[in-house]
Amino acid sequence: MVKKIALFPKHPERICWGCDKYCAADALRCGNGSGRTPHPIEVLGDDWLEQGDWGFDPDEVERARVRAGKAQD
């Protein structure tokens, strides 16, 4: 089963988002030889979900926004 990606993580820099393992940034297990894969929020900003079609359920996104205190006006 695929783990759900956190839409608005509090500390995205602490985790590698490159596979379903979501390892700590200093303990990568996937062995792909690369560095940590950043969360889209780190690259695109807080409005990363508005850029492109990520395929998330709009209701799920809104609930995540409210939980994270990032509700749109």
N, C-alpha and C. Protein backbone atom coordinates (compact mmCIF):
# COMPACT_ATOMS: atom_id res chain seq x y z
N MET A 1 0.84 -1.18 0.00
CA MET A 1 0.00 0.00 0.00
C MET A 1 0.89 1.24 0.00
N VAL A 2 0.54 2.19 -0.80
CA VAL A 2 1.29 3.43 -0.91
C VAL A 2 0.91 4.36 0.24
N LYS A 3 1.92 4.93 0.88
CA LYS A 3 1.66 5.89 1.95
C LYS A 3 1.19 7.20 1.34
N LYS A 4 0.33 7.91 2.05
CA LYS A 4 -0.12 9.22 1.58
C LYS A 4 0.94 10.26 1.92
N ILE A 5 1.24 11.12 0.97
CA ILE A 5 2.19 12.20 1.19
C ILE A 5 1.51 13.29 2.01
N ALA A 6 2.24 13.84 2.95
CA ALA A 6 1.72 14.96 3.73
C ALA A 6 1.61 16.17 2.82
N LEU A 7 0.46 16.79 2.77
CA LEU A 7 0.26 17.93 1.88
C LEU A 7 0.91 19.20 2.41
N PHE A 8 0.91 19.38 3.72
CA PHE A 8 1.50 20.56 4.34
C PHE A 8 2.33 20.14 5.56
N PRO A 9 3.46 19.46 5.34
CA PRO A 9 4.26 19.01 6.48
C PRO A 9 4.87 20.17 7.25
N LYS A 10 5.00 20.01 8.57
CA LYS A 10 5.57 21.07 9.40
C LYS A 10 7.06 21.24 9.14
N HIS A 11 7.78 20.15 8.97
CA HIS A 11 9.23 20.20 8.75
C HIS A 11 9.60 19.29 7.57
N PRO A 12 9.29 19.71 6.34
CA PRO A 12 9.55 18.85 5.19
C PRO A 12 11.03 18.56 4.98
N GLU A 13 11.89 19.43 5.48
CA GLU A 13 13.33 19.27 5.29
C GLU A 13 13.92 18.11 6.09
N ARG A 14 13.16 17.55 7.00
CA ARG A 14 13.65 16.46 7.84
C ARG A 14 13.48 15.08 7.21
N ILE A 15 12.75 15.01 6.09
CA ILE A 15 12.41 13.73 5.48
C ILE A 15 12.76 13.74 4.00
N CYS A 16 13.12 12.57 3.48
CA CYS A 16 13.30 12.39 2.04
C CYS A 16 11.96 11.93 1.48
N TRP A 17 11.47 12.61 0.47
CA TRP A 17 10.15 12.33 -0.10
C TRP A 17 10.25 11.55 -1.40
N GLY A 18 11.38 10.91 -1.67
CA GLY A 18 11.62 10.26 -2.95
C GLY A 18 10.96 8.92 -3.16
N CYS A 19 10.52 8.25 -2.10
CA CYS A 19 9.84 6.96 -2.25
C CYS A 19 8.87 6.77 -1.09
N ASP A 20 8.26 5.63 -1.00
CA ASP A 20 7.26 5.38 0.04
C ASP A 20 7.85 5.14 1.42
N LYS A 21 9.17 5.14 1.55
CA LYS A 21 9.78 4.88 2.85
C LYS A 21 9.82 6.13 3.73
N TYR A 22 9.88 7.31 3.11
CA TYR A 22 9.93 8.58 3.84
C TYR A 22 10.96 8.54 4.97
N CYS A 23 12.21 8.27 4.60
CA CYS A 23 13.31 8.16 5.56
C CYS A 23 13.70 9.52 6.13
N ALA A 24 14.32 9.46 7.28
CA ALA A 24 14.92 10.68 7.83
C ALA A 24 16.00 11.16 6.88
N ALA A 25 16.18 12.45 6.79
CA ALA A 25 17.13 13.03 5.83
C ALA A 25 18.56 12.53 6.03
N ASP A 26 18.88 12.11 7.24
CA ASP A 26 20.24 11.64 7.51
C ASP A 26 20.33 10.11 7.59
N ALA A 27 19.30 9.40 7.15
CA ALA A 27 19.30 7.94 7.20
C ALA A 27 18.52 7.35 6.03
N LEU A 28 18.95 7.68 4.80
CA LEU A 28 18.25 7.21 3.61
C LEU A 28 18.46 5.71 3.42
N ARG A 29 17.37 4.97 3.09
CA ARG A 29 17.44 3.53 2.91
C ARG A 29 17.24 3.07 1.49
N CYS A 30 16.81 3.94 0.59
CA CYS A 30 16.46 3.48 -0.75
C CYS A 30 17.69 3.10 -1.57
N GLY A 31 18.85 3.63 -1.23
CA GLY A 31 20.08 3.24 -1.90
C GLY A 31 20.17 3.67 -3.35
N ASN A 32 19.47 4.73 -3.71
CA ASN A 32 19.54 5.16 -5.11
C ASN A 32 20.77 6.02 -5.39
N GLY A 33 21.59 6.23 -4.40
CA GLY A 33 22.84 6.94 -4.61
C GLY A 33 22.71 8.45 -4.67
N SER A 34 21.53 8.95 -4.50
CA SER A 34 21.34 10.39 -4.58
C SER A 34 21.09 10.97 -3.20
N GLY A 35 20.94 12.27 -3.17
CA GLY A 35 20.64 12.94 -1.92
C GLY A 35 19.15 12.90 -1.65
N ARG A 36 18.76 13.61 -0.64
CA ARG A 36 17.37 13.67 -0.21
C ARG A 36 16.50 14.33 -1.28
N THR A 37 15.34 13.76 -1.54
CA THR A 37 14.38 14.35 -2.47
C THR A 37 13.49 15.32 -1.69
N PRO A 38 13.45 16.60 -2.08
CA PRO A 38 12.65 17.57 -1.34
C PRO A 38 11.15 17.39 -1.59
N HIS A 39 10.37 17.82 -0.64
CA HIS A 39 8.91 17.85 -0.78
C HIS A 39 8.58 18.98 -1.75
N PRO A 40 7.52 18.86 -2.56
CA PRO A 40 7.16 19.93 -3.49
C PRO A 40 6.98 21.30 -2.82
N ILE A 41 6.55 21.32 -1.57
CA ILE A 41 6.35 22.59 -0.87
C ILE A 41 7.68 23.33 -0.70
N GLU A 42 8.79 22.58 -0.61
CA GLU A 42 10.11 23.21 -0.48
C GLU A 42 10.55 23.86 -1.78
N VAL A 43 10.15 23.29 -2.89
CA VAL A 43 10.57 23.77 -4.21
C VAL A 43 9.61 24.83 -4.76
N LEU A 44 8.31 24.59 -4.59
CA LEU A 44 7.31 25.45 -5.21
C LEU A 44 6.62 26.42 -4.26
N GLY A 45 6.79 26.24 -2.96
CA GLY A 45 6.17 27.12 -1.98
C GLY A 45 4.85 26.59 -1.46
N ASP A 46 4.22 27.36 -0.58
CA ASP A 46 2.97 26.94 0.07
C ASP A 46 1.83 26.70 -0.92
N ASP A 47 1.88 27.32 -2.08
CA ASP A 47 0.80 27.14 -3.06
C ASP A 47 1.13 26.06 -4.09
N TRP A 48 1.97 25.10 -3.71
CA TRP A 48 2.42 24.07 -4.65
C TRP A 48 1.28 23.26 -5.24
N LEU A 49 0.19 23.10 -4.51
CA LEU A 49 -0.93 22.30 -5.02
C LEU A 49 -1.68 23.01 -6.16
N GLU A 50 -1.52 24.32 -6.25
CA GLU A 50 -2.19 25.08 -7.30
C GLU A 50 -1.41 25.06 -8.61
N GLN A 51 -0.21 24.55 -8.58
CA GLN A 51 0.64 24.50 -9.77
C GLN A 51 0.61 23.09 -10.35
N GLY A 52 -0.19 22.90 -11.36
CA GLY A 52 -0.30 21.59 -11.99
C GLY A 52 -1.44 20.77 -11.41
N ASP A 53 -1.62 19.59 -11.96
CA ASP A 53 -2.67 18.68 -11.50
C ASP A 53 -2.01 17.51 -10.79
N TRP A 54 -2.09 17.52 -9.48
CA TRP A 54 -1.44 16.49 -8.67
C TRP A 54 -2.35 15.30 -8.42
N GLY A 55 -3.62 15.41 -8.76
CA GLY A 55 -4.54 14.30 -8.63
C GLY A 55 -5.10 14.07 -7.23
N PHE A 56 -4.98 15.06 -6.36
CA PHE A 56 -5.53 14.93 -5.01
C PHE A 56 -7.00 15.30 -5.01
N ASP A 57 -7.77 14.66 -4.13
CA ASP A 57 -9.18 14.97 -3.95
C ASP A 57 -9.30 16.38 -3.36
N PRO A 58 -10.06 17.26 -3.99
CA PRO A 58 -10.18 18.64 -3.49
C PRO A 58 -10.64 18.74 -2.04
N ASP A 59 -11.55 17.86 -1.63
CA ASP A 59 -12.02 17.87 -0.24
C ASP A 59 -10.89 17.50 0.71
N GLU A 60 -10.07 16.53 0.32
CA GLU A 60 -8.92 16.13 1.14
C GLU A 60 -7.92 17.27 1.26
N VAL A 61 -7.70 17.98 0.17
CA VAL A 61 -6.77 19.12 0.17
C VAL A 61 -7.28 20.21 1.11
N GLU A 62 -8.58 20.51 1.05
CA GLU A 62 -9.13 21.55 1.91
C GLU A 62 -9.04 21.16 3.38
N ARG A 63 -9.31 19.90 3.70
CA ARG A 63 -9.18 19.44 5.09
C ARG A 63 -7.74 19.57 5.56
N ALA A 64 -6.78 19.23 4.70
CA ALA A 64 -5.36 19.34 5.05
C ALA A 64 -4.98 20.81 5.26
N ARG A 65 -5.51 21.70 4.43
CA ARG A 65 -5.24 23.13 4.59
C ARG A 65 -5.74 23.64 5.94
N VAL A 66 -6.94 23.24 6.31
CA VAL A 66 -7.52 23.67 7.58
C VAL A 66 -6.67 23.15 8.75
N ARG A 67 -6.31 21.85 8.70
CA ARG A 67 -5.48 21.27 9.77
C ARG A 67 -4.15 21.99 9.90
N ALA A 68 -3.58 22.41 8.76
CA ALA A 68 -2.28 23.08 8.77
C ALA A 68 -2.38 24.57 9.02
N GLY A 69 -3.61 25.09 9.13
CA GLY A 69 -3.78 26.52 9.35
C GLY A 69 -3.48 27.33 8.11
N LYS A 70 -3.68 26.75 6.93
CA LYS A 70 -3.38 27.42 5.67
C LYS A 70 -4.64 27.53 4.81
N ALA A 71 -5.78 27.69 5.45
CA ALA A 71 -7.04 27.78 4.73
C ALA A 71 -7.02 29.01 3.83
N GLN A 72 -7.57 28.82 2.62
CA GLN A 72 -7.62 29.94 1.67
C GLN A 72 -8.78 30.85 2.01
N ASP A 73 -8.59 32.13 1.73
CA ASP A 73 -9.66 33.11 2.01
C ASP A 73 -10.69 33.13 0.92
